Amino acid sequence: MLKIASKYTGFLAIPVFALGLATSANSALIDRGNGMIYDSDQDLTWLQDAN
């Protein structure tokens, strides 16, 4: 019974993993000046150099 369950788990895990690799993200990074970069996808402003 355990071998059958692990076999089906493998058959399900491979397509789920492949679909996860197929996704992509797009966002515009806009330079706002004074070392700040705006990420339009996440609606965040990042520091260009945080050090």
N, C-alpha and C. Protein backbone atom coordinates (compact mmCIF):
# COMPACT_ATOMS: atom_id res chain seq x y z
N MET A 1 0.82 -1.20 0.00
CA MET A 1 0.00 0.00 0.00
C MET A 1 0.87 1.26 0.00
N LEU A 2 1.95 1.27 0.76
CA LEU A 2 2.82 2.44 0.84
C LEU A 2 3.52 2.69 -0.49
N LYS A 3 3.92 1.63 -1.19
CA LYS A 3 4.58 1.81 -2.48
C LYS A 3 3.63 2.43 -3.50
N ILE A 4 2.37 2.05 -3.46
CA ILE A 4 1.39 2.62 -4.39
C ILE A 4 1.19 4.10 -4.10
N ALA A 5 1.11 4.45 -2.83
CA ALA A 5 0.91 5.85 -2.45
C ALA A 5 2.10 6.70 -2.87
N SER A 6 3.31 6.21 -2.68
CA SER A 6 4.49 6.99 -3.06
C SER A 6 4.60 7.10 -4.58
N LYS A 7 4.13 6.10 -5.31
CA LYS A 7 4.15 6.14 -6.77
C LYS A 7 3.22 7.25 -7.27
N TYR A 8 2.01 7.31 -6.70
CA TYR A 8 1.07 8.36 -7.10
C TYR A 8 1.55 9.75 -6.67
N THR A 9 2.22 9.82 -5.56
CA THR A 9 2.76 11.10 -5.10
C THR A 9 3.78 11.63 -6.10
N GLY A 10 4.62 10.75 -6.61
CA GLY A 10 5.59 11.14 -7.63
C GLY A 10 4.93 11.61 -8.90
N PHE A 11 3.87 10.92 -9.32
CA PHE A 11 3.15 11.32 -10.54
C PHE A 11 2.49 12.68 -10.37
N LEU A 12 2.06 13.01 -9.17
CA LEU A 12 1.43 14.30 -8.93
C LEU A 12 2.45 15.41 -8.71
N ALA A 13 3.56 15.08 -8.09
CA ALA A 13 4.54 16.10 -7.74
C ALA A 13 5.25 16.66 -8.98
N ILE A 14 5.50 15.83 -9.97
CA ILE A 14 6.23 16.29 -11.16
C ILE A 14 5.45 17.37 -11.93
N PRO A 15 4.17 17.18 -12.26
CA PRO A 15 3.45 18.26 -12.96
C PRO A 15 3.29 19.53 -12.13
N VAL A 16 3.09 19.38 -10.84
CA VAL A 16 2.95 20.56 -9.98
C VAL A 16 4.25 21.34 -9.96
N PHE A 17 5.37 20.65 -9.88
CA PHE A 17 6.68 21.30 -9.89
C PHE A 17 6.92 21.99 -11.24
N ALA A 18 6.57 21.33 -12.34
CA ALA A 18 6.75 21.91 -13.67
C ALA A 18 5.91 23.17 -13.84
N LEU A 19 4.70 23.17 -13.34
CA LEU A 19 3.86 24.37 -13.44
C LEU A 19 4.41 25.51 -12.60
N GLY A 20 5.03 25.18 -11.49
CA GLY A 20 5.63 26.21 -10.65
C GLY A 20 6.80 26.90 -11.33
N LEU A 21 7.53 26.18 -12.17
CA LEU A 21 8.65 26.77 -12.89
C LEU A 21 8.18 27.63 -14.06
N ALA A 22 6.98 27.40 -14.54
CA ALA A 22 6.48 28.09 -15.72
C ALA A 22 5.95 29.49 -15.42
N THR A 23 5.78 29.84 -14.17
CA THR A 23 5.24 31.16 -13.85
C THR A 23 6.32 32.23 -13.97
N SER A 24 5.92 33.43 -14.26
CA SER A 24 6.86 34.53 -14.33
C SER A 24 6.23 35.77 -13.71
N ALA A 25 7.07 36.71 -13.38
CA ALA A 25 6.58 37.96 -12.79
C ALA A 25 7.14 39.13 -13.60
N ASN A 26 6.32 40.12 -13.81
CA ASN A 26 6.74 41.32 -14.53
C ASN A 26 6.40 42.53 -13.69
N SER A 27 7.35 43.44 -13.60
CA SER A 27 7.07 44.69 -12.93
C SER A 27 7.98 45.76 -13.51
N ALA A 28 7.55 46.98 -13.44
CA ALA A 28 8.37 48.09 -13.88
C ALA A 28 9.11 48.64 -12.67
N LEU A 29 10.42 48.80 -12.81
CA LEU A 29 11.22 49.43 -11.77
C LEU A 29 11.49 50.86 -12.20
N ILE A 30 10.99 51.80 -11.42
CA ILE A 30 11.04 53.22 -11.78
C ILE A 30 11.98 53.93 -10.82
N ASP A 31 12.97 54.64 -11.39
CA ASP A 31 13.92 55.40 -10.58
C ASP A 31 13.25 56.69 -10.14
N ARG A 32 13.07 56.86 -8.83
CA ARG A 32 12.41 58.05 -8.28
C ARG A 32 13.40 59.12 -7.83
N GLY A 33 14.68 58.86 -8.03
CA GLY A 33 15.69 59.83 -7.62
C GLY A 33 16.06 59.66 -6.16
N ASN A 34 17.16 60.27 -5.75
CA ASN A 34 17.67 60.21 -4.38
C ASN A 34 17.89 58.77 -3.91
N GLY A 35 18.22 57.86 -4.83
CA GLY A 35 18.52 56.48 -4.45
C GLY A 35 17.31 55.62 -4.17
N MET A 36 16.13 56.03 -4.63
CA MET A 36 14.92 55.24 -4.40
C MET A 36 14.42 54.64 -5.72
N ILE A 37 14.05 53.37 -5.68
CA ILE A 37 13.52 52.65 -6.84
C ILE A 37 12.11 52.16 -6.49
N TYR A 38 11.14 52.47 -7.35
CA TYR A 38 9.75 52.07 -7.12
C TYR A 38 9.44 50.80 -7.90
N ASP A 39 8.88 49.80 -7.24
CA ASP A 39 8.46 48.53 -7.84
C ASP A 39 6.94 48.60 -8.04
N SER A 40 6.51 48.67 -9.31
CA SER A 40 5.08 48.85 -9.59
C SER A 40 4.25 47.60 -9.31
N ASP A 41 4.86 46.43 -9.35
CA ASP A 41 4.12 45.20 -9.12
C ASP A 41 3.77 45.03 -7.64
N GLN A 42 4.73 45.27 -6.76
CA GLN A 42 4.51 45.08 -5.33
C GLN A 42 4.11 46.37 -4.62
N ASP A 43 4.09 47.48 -5.35
CA ASP A 43 3.75 48.79 -4.80
C ASP A 43 4.67 49.13 -3.63
N LEU A 44 5.98 48.95 -3.84
CA LEU A 44 7.00 49.22 -2.83
C LEU A 44 8.04 50.16 -3.38
N THR A 45 8.68 50.91 -2.51
CA THR A 45 9.83 51.72 -2.88
C THR A 45 11.05 51.15 -2.17
N TRP A 46 12.06 50.81 -2.97
CA TRP A 46 13.29 50.20 -2.46
C TRP A 46 14.40 51.24 -2.42
N LEU A 47 15.36 51.05 -1.53
CA LEU A 47 16.56 51.87 -1.52
C LEU A 47 17.56 51.27 -2.49
N GLN A 48 18.15 52.12 -3.32
CA GLN A 48 19.08 51.65 -4.34
C GLN A 48 20.33 51.05 -3.70
N ASP A 49 20.86 51.69 -2.68
CA ASP A 49 22.04 51.19 -1.97
C ASP A 49 21.79 51.37 -0.48
N ALA A 50 21.45 50.28 0.18
CA ALA A 50 21.08 50.36 1.59
C ALA A 50 22.27 50.41 2.54
N ASN A 51 23.48 50.27 2.02
CA ASN A 51 24.67 50.27 2.89
C ASN A 51 25.10 51.66 3.24
